Amino acid sequence: MQMVQADGFRGLSLVVDLALDRLMAPAAILVALAIGGILGYELIALFGPAAGSPYQL
């Protein structure tokens, strides 16, 4: 009985690992895009054409 349970847990572990492998790459891409968007928005607000510059004429 213990061997059946151990094999079942091993199989469940494989299924969970495969599911995480399929989810982690898209999740990492979405997180990177969100961080890039936030940084881009802040940089545009900081250095964009509407930003005041002491050297503008």
N, C-alpha and C. Protein backbone atom coordinates (compact mmCIF):
# COMPACT_ATOMS: atom_id res chain seq x y z
N MET A 1 0.82 -1.20 0.00
CA MET A 1 0.00 0.00 0.00
C MET A 1 0.86 1.26 0.00
N GLN A 2 1.95 1.21 0.77
CA GLN A 2 2.83 2.38 0.82
C GLN A 2 3.49 2.63 -0.53
N MET A 3 3.80 1.55 -1.23
CA MET A 3 4.45 1.72 -2.53
C MET A 3 3.48 2.37 -3.52
N VAL A 4 2.21 2.00 -3.45
CA VAL A 4 1.21 2.61 -4.33
C VAL A 4 1.07 4.09 -4.01
N GLN A 5 1.05 4.43 -2.74
CA GLN A 5 0.94 5.84 -2.36
C GLN A 5 2.18 6.62 -2.79
N ALA A 6 3.37 6.03 -2.62
CA ALA A 6 4.59 6.71 -3.02
C ALA A 6 4.61 6.95 -4.52
N ASP A 7 4.19 5.96 -5.29
CA ASP A 7 4.14 6.14 -6.74
C ASP A 7 3.10 7.19 -7.12
N GLY A 8 1.99 7.20 -6.40
CA GLY A 8 0.96 8.20 -6.68
C GLY A 8 1.45 9.60 -6.38
N PHE A 9 2.16 9.78 -5.28
CA PHE A 9 2.70 11.10 -4.95
C PHE A 9 3.77 11.51 -5.95
N ARG A 10 4.56 10.53 -6.41
CA ARG A 10 5.59 10.82 -7.40
C ARG A 10 4.94 11.27 -8.71
N GLY A 11 3.85 10.62 -9.08
CA GLY A 11 3.14 11.01 -10.29
C GLY A 11 2.50 12.37 -10.15
N LEU A 12 1.94 12.64 -8.98
CA LEU A 12 1.34 13.95 -8.73
C LEU A 12 2.41 15.04 -8.76
N SER A 13 3.57 14.75 -8.23
CA SER A 13 4.68 15.69 -8.25
C SER A 13 5.08 16.00 -9.68
N LEU A 14 5.11 14.99 -10.53
CA LEU A 14 5.44 15.21 -11.93
C LEU A 14 4.40 16.09 -12.60
N VAL A 15 3.14 15.84 -12.33
CA VAL A 15 2.07 16.64 -12.93
C VAL A 15 2.17 18.10 -12.47
N VAL A 16 2.43 18.30 -11.19
CA VAL A 16 2.56 19.66 -10.66
C VAL A 16 3.78 20.35 -11.27
N ASP A 17 4.89 19.64 -11.39
CA ASP A 17 6.09 20.21 -12.00
C ASP A 17 5.84 20.60 -13.45
N LEU A 18 5.16 19.76 -14.19
CA LEU A 18 4.87 20.09 -15.58
C LEU A 18 3.93 21.28 -15.69
N ALA A 19 2.95 21.35 -14.80
CA ALA A 19 2.03 22.48 -14.81
C ALA A 19 2.76 23.77 -14.47
N LEU A 20 3.65 23.72 -13.49
CA LEU A 20 4.41 24.91 -13.13
C LEU A 20 5.35 25.33 -14.25
N ASP A 21 5.93 24.36 -14.94
CA ASP A 21 6.80 24.70 -16.07
C ASP A 21 6.01 25.42 -17.15
N ARG A 22 4.78 25.02 -17.36
CA ARG A 22 3.97 25.66 -18.38
C ARG A 22 3.45 27.02 -17.94
N LEU A 23 3.34 27.25 -16.65
CA LEU A 23 2.81 28.52 -16.16
C LEU A 23 3.89 29.56 -15.85
N MET A 24 5.09 29.10 -15.50
CA MET A 24 6.10 30.04 -15.04
C MET A 24 6.63 30.93 -16.16
N ALA A 25 6.83 30.40 -17.35
CA ALA A 25 7.36 31.22 -18.45
C ALA A 25 6.39 32.35 -18.82
N PRO A 26 5.10 32.07 -19.06
CA PRO A 26 4.19 33.18 -19.36
C PRO A 26 4.04 34.14 -18.18
N ALA A 27 4.06 33.63 -16.97
CA ALA A 27 3.96 34.51 -15.80
C ALA A 27 5.18 35.42 -15.72
N ALA A 28 6.36 34.88 -15.97
CA ALA A 28 7.57 35.70 -15.94
C ALA A 28 7.55 36.75 -17.04
N ILE A 29 7.04 36.39 -18.21
CA ILE A 29 6.93 37.36 -19.30
C ILE A 29 5.97 38.47 -18.93
N LEU A 30 4.83 38.12 -18.35
CA LEU A 30 3.85 39.14 -17.96
C LEU A 30 4.40 40.06 -16.88
N VAL A 31 5.11 39.51 -15.93
CA VAL A 31 5.71 40.34 -14.87
C VAL A 31 6.76 41.27 -15.47
N ALA A 32 7.60 40.76 -16.37
CA ALA A 32 8.62 41.60 -17.00
C ALA A 32 7.99 42.71 -17.83
N LEU A 33 6.92 42.40 -18.55
CA LEU A 33 6.24 43.44 -19.34
C LEU A 33 5.60 44.49 -18.45
N ALA A 34 5.02 44.07 -17.34
CA ALA A 34 4.41 45.02 -16.42
C ALA A 34 5.47 45.92 -15.80
N ILE A 35 6.59 45.36 -15.39
CA ILE A 35 7.66 46.18 -14.82
C ILE A 35 8.23 47.12 -15.87
N GLY A 36 8.41 46.63 -17.07
CA GLY A 36 8.89 47.49 -18.16
C GLY A 36 7.92 48.61 -18.47
N GLY A 37 6.64 48.32 -18.44
CA GLY A 37 5.64 49.36 -18.68
C GLY A 37 5.65 50.42 -17.60
N ILE A 38 5.76 49.99 -16.36
CA ILE A 38 5.79 50.95 -15.25
C ILE A 38 7.04 51.82 -15.34
N LEU A 39 8.19 51.18 -15.60
CA LEU A 39 9.42 51.95 -15.74
C LEU A 39 9.36 52.91 -16.93
N GLY A 40 8.83 52.43 -18.03
CA GLY A 40 8.69 53.29 -19.21
C GLY A 40 7.78 54.47 -18.93
N TYR A 41 6.68 54.25 -18.27
CA TYR A 41 5.76 55.33 -17.93
C TYR A 41 6.44 56.36 -17.03
N GLU A 42 7.18 55.89 -16.05
CA GLU A 42 7.87 56.81 -15.14
C GLU A 42 8.97 57.57 -15.87
N LEU A 43 9.70 56.91 -16.76
CA LEU A 43 10.75 57.60 -17.50
C LEU A 43 10.18 58.63 -18.47
N ILE A 44 9.06 58.32 -19.09
CA ILE A 44 8.42 59.29 -19.98
C ILE A 44 7.95 60.49 -19.17
N ALA A 45 7.40 60.24 -17.99
CA ALA A 45 6.96 61.35 -17.14
C ALA A 45 8.15 62.18 -16.68
N LEU A 46 9.28 61.55 -16.48
CA LEU A 46 10.46 62.25 -16.00
C LEU A 46 11.19 63.00 -17.11
N PHE A 47 11.36 62.35 -18.27
CA PHE A 47 12.16 62.92 -19.35
C PHE A 47 11.35 63.28 -20.58
N GLY A 48 10.04 63.19 -20.52
CA GLY A 48 9.20 63.43 -21.68
C GLY A 48 9.19 64.88 -22.10
N PRO A 49 8.47 65.18 -23.18
CA PRO A 49 8.44 66.54 -23.70
C PRO A 49 7.77 67.54 -22.74
N ALA A 50 6.92 67.07 -21.85
CA ALA A 50 6.25 67.99 -20.93
C ALA A 50 7.07 68.26 -19.67
N ALA A 51 8.20 67.57 -19.55
CA ALA A 51 9.03 67.75 -18.35
C ALA A 51 9.71 69.11 -18.42
N GLY A 52 9.72 69.81 -17.33
CA GLY A 52 10.36 71.10 -17.29
C GLY A 52 11.87 70.94 -17.21
N SER A 53 12.59 71.74 -17.96
CA SER A 53 14.03 71.70 -17.95
C SER A 53 14.56 73.11 -17.71
N PRO A 54 15.53 73.27 -16.85
CA PRO A 54 16.06 74.61 -16.60
C PRO A 54 16.82 75.16 -17.81
N TYR A 55 17.15 74.32 -18.79
CA TYR A 55 17.91 74.77 -19.94
C TYR A 55 17.04 75.03 -21.16
N GLN A 56 15.72 74.91 -21.01
CA GLN A 56 14.83 75.19 -22.14
C GLN A 56 14.74 76.69 -22.37
N LEU A 57 14.62 77.06 -23.63
CA LEU A 57 14.45 78.49 -23.96
C LEU A 57 12.99 78.86 -24.00
